[in-house]
Amino acid sequence: MLRLLPTKKILQKSFGNHVKELRSKKNLTQIDVSSKMNKDQQSLQRVESGNVSPSLYYLFELAEGLDVSIEELMCFKIEKKKKKEK
């Protein structure tokens, strides 16, 4: 059975939304998390907005910064592609 993969943009956006949700549930700001990671706030903002694909190493740093397991960080729902309104 052929299964279609999501586009890169949809995957990045879905992951970014998941990261933002994890951070918000812990009542952390982007500055709180990025400081724990020794990164600037803009780095995390780009991930949360879905504008970048973080490296494997960054994902481990992010899990540390959010105080979650790598499994929890990577277990997210991929959003469906929205149909254009007419």
N, C-alpha and C. Protein backbone atom coordinates (compact mmCIF):
# COMPACT_ATOMS: atom_id res chain seq x y z
N MET A 1 0.84 -1.18 0.00
CA MET A 1 0.00 0.00 0.00
C MET A 1 0.88 1.24 0.00
N LEU A 2 0.63 2.15 -0.90
CA LEU A 2 1.39 3.38 -1.02
C LEU A 2 0.86 4.41 -0.02
N ARG A 3 1.76 4.96 0.76
CA ARG A 3 1.37 5.97 1.76
C ARG A 3 2.08 7.27 1.42
N LEU A 4 1.32 8.33 1.29
CA LEU A 4 1.90 9.62 0.94
C LEU A 4 2.51 10.29 2.16
N LEU A 5 3.70 10.81 2.01
CA LEU A 5 4.36 11.53 3.08
C LEU A 5 3.89 12.97 3.11
N PRO A 6 3.89 13.57 4.31
CA PRO A 6 3.54 15.00 4.36
C PRO A 6 4.65 15.82 3.71
N THR A 7 4.33 17.02 3.30
CA THR A 7 5.36 17.89 2.76
C THR A 7 6.29 18.32 3.90
N LYS A 8 7.46 18.77 3.52
CA LYS A 8 8.43 19.24 4.51
C LYS A 8 7.83 20.38 5.33
N LYS A 9 7.14 21.29 4.68
CA LYS A 9 6.55 22.46 5.36
C LYS A 9 5.49 22.02 6.38
N ILE A 10 4.64 21.07 6.02
CA ILE A 10 3.62 20.58 6.94
C ILE A 10 4.27 19.89 8.13
N LEU A 11 5.30 19.11 7.88
CA LEU A 11 6.00 18.42 8.96
C LEU A 11 6.65 19.42 9.91
N GLN A 12 7.33 20.42 9.36
CA GLN A 12 7.97 21.45 10.19
C GLN A 12 6.94 22.21 11.01
N LYS A 13 5.83 22.58 10.40
CA LYS A 13 4.77 23.33 11.09
C LYS A 13 4.15 22.48 12.20
N SER A 14 3.89 21.22 11.93
CA SER A 14 3.31 20.32 12.93
C SER A 14 4.24 20.16 14.12
N PHE A 15 5.53 19.97 13.84
CA PHE A 15 6.51 19.82 14.91
C PHE A 15 6.61 21.11 15.71
N GLY A 16 6.65 22.23 15.04
CA GLY A 16 6.73 23.52 15.72
C GLY A 16 5.55 23.76 16.65
N ASN A 17 4.37 23.41 16.20
CA ASN A 17 3.17 23.56 17.04
C ASN A 17 3.26 22.65 18.27
N HIS A 18 3.79 21.46 18.08
CA HIS A 18 3.96 20.52 19.19
C HIS A 18 4.96 21.06 20.22
N VAL A 19 6.06 21.61 19.76
CA VAL A 19 7.06 22.18 20.66
C VAL A 19 6.44 23.33 21.46
N LYS A 20 5.72 24.19 20.77
CA LYS A 20 5.07 25.33 21.43
C LYS A 20 4.08 24.84 22.49
N GLU A 21 3.33 23.80 22.17
CA GLU A 21 2.37 23.24 23.11
C GLU A 21 3.07 22.65 24.34
N LEU A 22 4.15 21.90 24.13
CA LEU A 22 4.91 21.34 25.25
C LEU A 22 5.44 22.46 26.15
N ARG A 23 5.98 23.50 25.54
CA ARG A 23 6.53 24.62 26.28
C ARG A 23 5.44 25.35 27.07
N SER A 24 4.32 25.58 26.43
CA SER A 24 3.21 26.29 27.08
C SER A 24 2.64 25.51 28.25
N LYS A 25 2.53 24.19 28.10
CA LYS A 25 2.01 23.35 29.19
C LYS A 25 2.89 23.43 30.43
N LYS A 26 4.17 23.73 30.24
CA LYS A 26 5.10 23.84 31.37
C LYS A 26 5.25 25.29 31.83
N ASN A 27 4.43 26.18 31.26
CA ASN A 27 4.48 27.61 31.59
C ASN A 27 5.87 28.20 31.43
N LEU A 28 6.53 27.81 30.34
CA LEU A 28 7.86 28.32 30.04
C LEU A 28 7.78 29.28 28.86
N THR A 29 8.63 30.28 28.87
CA THR A 29 8.74 31.18 27.73
C THR A 29 9.79 30.65 26.77
N GLN A 30 9.82 31.20 25.58
CA GLN A 30 10.87 30.82 24.63
C GLN A 30 12.24 31.16 25.21
N ILE A 31 12.32 32.26 25.95
CA ILE A 31 13.59 32.66 26.56
C ILE A 31 14.02 31.66 27.62
N ASP A 32 13.06 31.16 28.42
CA ASP A 32 13.37 30.14 29.44
C ASP A 32 14.02 28.91 28.80
N VAL A 33 13.37 28.40 27.78
CA VAL A 33 13.83 27.17 27.14
C VAL A 33 15.14 27.40 26.39
N SER A 34 15.21 28.46 25.62
CA SER A 34 16.43 28.71 24.84
C SER A 34 17.63 28.96 25.76
N SER A 35 17.40 29.57 26.91
CA SER A 35 18.49 29.78 27.88
C SER A 35 19.03 28.45 28.40
N LYS A 36 18.13 27.51 28.68
CA LYS A 36 18.54 26.18 29.14
C LYS A 36 19.34 25.45 28.06
N MET A 37 19.08 25.80 26.81
CA MET A 37 19.76 25.16 25.68
C MET A 37 21.03 25.90 25.28
N ASN A 38 21.28 27.05 25.89
CA ASN A 38 22.39 27.93 25.48
C ASN A 38 22.25 28.37 24.02
N LYS A 39 21.02 28.70 23.66
CA LYS A 39 20.71 29.20 22.31
C LYS A 39 20.03 30.55 22.46
N ASP A 40 19.92 31.28 21.35
CA ASP A 40 19.15 32.52 21.43
C ASP A 40 17.67 32.23 21.22
N GLN A 41 16.84 33.13 21.66
CA GLN A 41 15.38 32.96 21.60
C GLN A 41 14.90 32.82 20.16
N GLN A 42 15.55 33.51 19.23
CA GLN A 42 15.15 33.46 17.83
C GLN A 42 15.31 32.05 17.25
N SER A 43 16.28 31.31 17.74
CA SER A 43 16.49 29.94 17.29
C SER A 43 15.25 29.09 17.58
N LEU A 44 14.75 29.19 18.79
CA LEU A 44 13.55 28.44 19.18
C LEU A 44 12.32 28.97 18.46
N GLN A 45 12.25 30.27 18.27
CA GLN A 45 11.12 30.88 17.57
C GLN A 45 11.01 30.34 16.15
N ARG A 46 12.14 30.16 15.48
CA ARG A 46 12.14 29.64 14.10
C ARG A 46 11.64 28.19 14.06
N VAL A 47 11.99 27.40 15.08
CA VAL A 47 11.50 26.02 15.15
C VAL A 47 10.00 26.02 15.39
N GLU A 48 9.54 26.80 16.37
CA GLU A 48 8.11 26.83 16.70
C GLU A 48 7.25 27.35 15.56
N SER A 49 7.79 28.24 14.76
CA SER A 49 7.02 28.78 13.63
C SER A 49 7.05 27.87 12.41
N GLY A 50 7.86 26.80 12.48
CA GLY A 50 7.92 25.86 11.37
C GLY A 50 8.79 26.31 10.22
N ASN A 51 9.72 27.22 10.50
CA ASN A 51 10.56 27.76 9.43
C ASN A 51 11.86 27.01 9.22
N VAL A 52 12.20 26.08 10.12
CA VAL A 52 13.45 25.34 9.99
C VAL A 52 13.25 23.87 10.34
N SER A 53 14.16 23.04 9.86
CA SER A 53 14.22 21.64 10.26
C SER A 53 15.40 21.50 11.20
N PRO A 54 15.15 21.32 12.50
CA PRO A 54 16.26 21.26 13.44
C PRO A 54 17.11 20.00 13.24
N SER A 55 18.38 20.13 13.58
CA SER A 55 19.30 18.99 13.48
C SER A 55 19.00 17.98 14.58
N LEU A 56 19.54 16.81 14.43
CA LEU A 56 19.37 15.77 15.43
C LEU A 56 19.91 16.23 16.78
N TYR A 57 21.07 16.86 16.78
CA TYR A 57 21.67 17.35 18.02
C TYR A 57 20.77 18.41 18.66
N TYR A 58 20.21 19.31 17.85
CA TYR A 58 19.31 20.34 18.36
C TYR A 58 18.09 19.70 19.02
N LEU A 59 17.58 18.61 18.45
CA LEU A 59 16.43 17.93 19.04
C LEU A 59 16.73 17.42 20.44
N PHE A 60 17.92 16.88 20.63
CA PHE A 60 18.31 16.43 21.97
C PHE A 60 18.46 17.61 22.93
N GLU A 61 19.02 18.71 22.45
CA GLU A 61 19.13 19.92 23.27
C GLU A 61 17.73 20.44 23.64
N LEU A 62 16.84 20.40 22.68
CA LEU A 62 15.47 20.87 22.90
C LEU A 62 14.75 20.01 23.93
N ALA A 63 14.90 18.71 23.83
CA ALA A 63 14.29 17.82 24.82
C ALA A 63 14.80 18.15 26.22
N GLU A 64 16.10 18.40 26.34
CA GLU A 64 16.68 18.80 27.63
C GLU A 64 16.09 20.12 28.10
N GLY A 65 16.02 21.09 27.21
CA GLY A 65 15.49 22.41 27.55
C GLY A 65 14.05 22.39 27.99
N LEU A 66 13.28 21.47 27.41
CA LEU A 66 11.86 21.33 27.77
C LEU A 66 11.64 20.34 28.91
N ASP A 67 12.71 19.64 29.29
CA ASP A 67 12.65 18.61 30.33
C ASP A 67 11.64 17.52 29.97
N VAL A 68 11.78 17.02 28.72
CA VAL A 68 10.96 15.91 28.24
C VAL A 68 11.89 14.88 27.62
N SER A 69 11.38 13.68 27.45
CA SER A 69 12.17 12.65 26.76
C SER A 69 12.17 12.94 25.26
N ILE A 70 13.16 12.39 24.59
CA ILE A 70 13.21 12.55 23.13
C ILE A 70 11.98 11.90 22.50
N GLU A 71 11.49 10.83 23.12
CA GLU A 71 10.28 10.16 22.61
C GLU A 71 9.07 11.09 22.69
N GLU A 72 8.93 11.78 23.83
CA GLU A 72 7.80 12.71 23.98
C GLU A 72 7.92 13.87 23.00
N LEU A 73 9.14 14.34 22.79
CA LEU A 73 9.36 15.43 21.86
C LEU A 73 8.98 15.03 20.43
N MET A 74 9.30 13.79 20.06
CA MET A 74 9.10 13.36 18.68
C MET A 74 7.73 12.73 18.42
N CYS A 75 6.92 12.57 19.44
CA CYS A 75 5.59 11.98 19.27
C CYS A 75 4.57 13.11 19.09
N PHE A 76 4.32 13.46 17.85
CA PHE A 76 3.40 14.57 17.56
C PHE A 76 2.52 14.22 16.38
N LYS A 77 1.38 14.86 16.36
CA LYS A 77 0.40 14.63 15.29
C LYS A 77 0.74 15.51 14.09
N ILE A 78 0.77 14.90 12.94
CA ILE A 78 1.04 15.64 11.71
C ILE A 78 -0.28 16.21 11.20
N GLU A 79 -0.30 17.51 11.09
CA GLU A 79 -1.52 18.20 10.67
C GLU A 79 -1.80 17.92 9.20
N LYS A 80 -3.06 17.89 8.89
CA LYS A 80 -3.47 17.68 7.51
C LYS A 80 -3.27 18.95 6.71
N LYS A 81 -2.99 18.79 5.45
CA LYS A 81 -2.85 19.94 4.57
C LYS A 81 -4.21 20.61 4.43
N LYS A 82 -4.22 21.90 4.64
CA LYS A 82 -5.47 22.66 4.55
C LYS A 82 -5.81 22.93 3.10
N LYS A 83 -7.08 22.75 2.77
CA LYS A 83 -7.53 23.05 1.41
C LYS A 83 -7.68 24.56 1.28
N LYS A 84 -7.34 25.04 0.10
CA LYS A 84 -7.47 26.47 -0.16
C LYS A 84 -8.95 26.84 -0.24
N GLU A 85 -9.26 27.98 0.39
CA GLU A 85 -10.65 28.45 0.35
C GLU A 85 -10.92 29.08 -1.01
N LYS A 86 -12.17 28.93 -1.46
CA LYS A 86 -12.54 29.49 -2.77
C LYS A 86 -13.21 30.82 -2.60
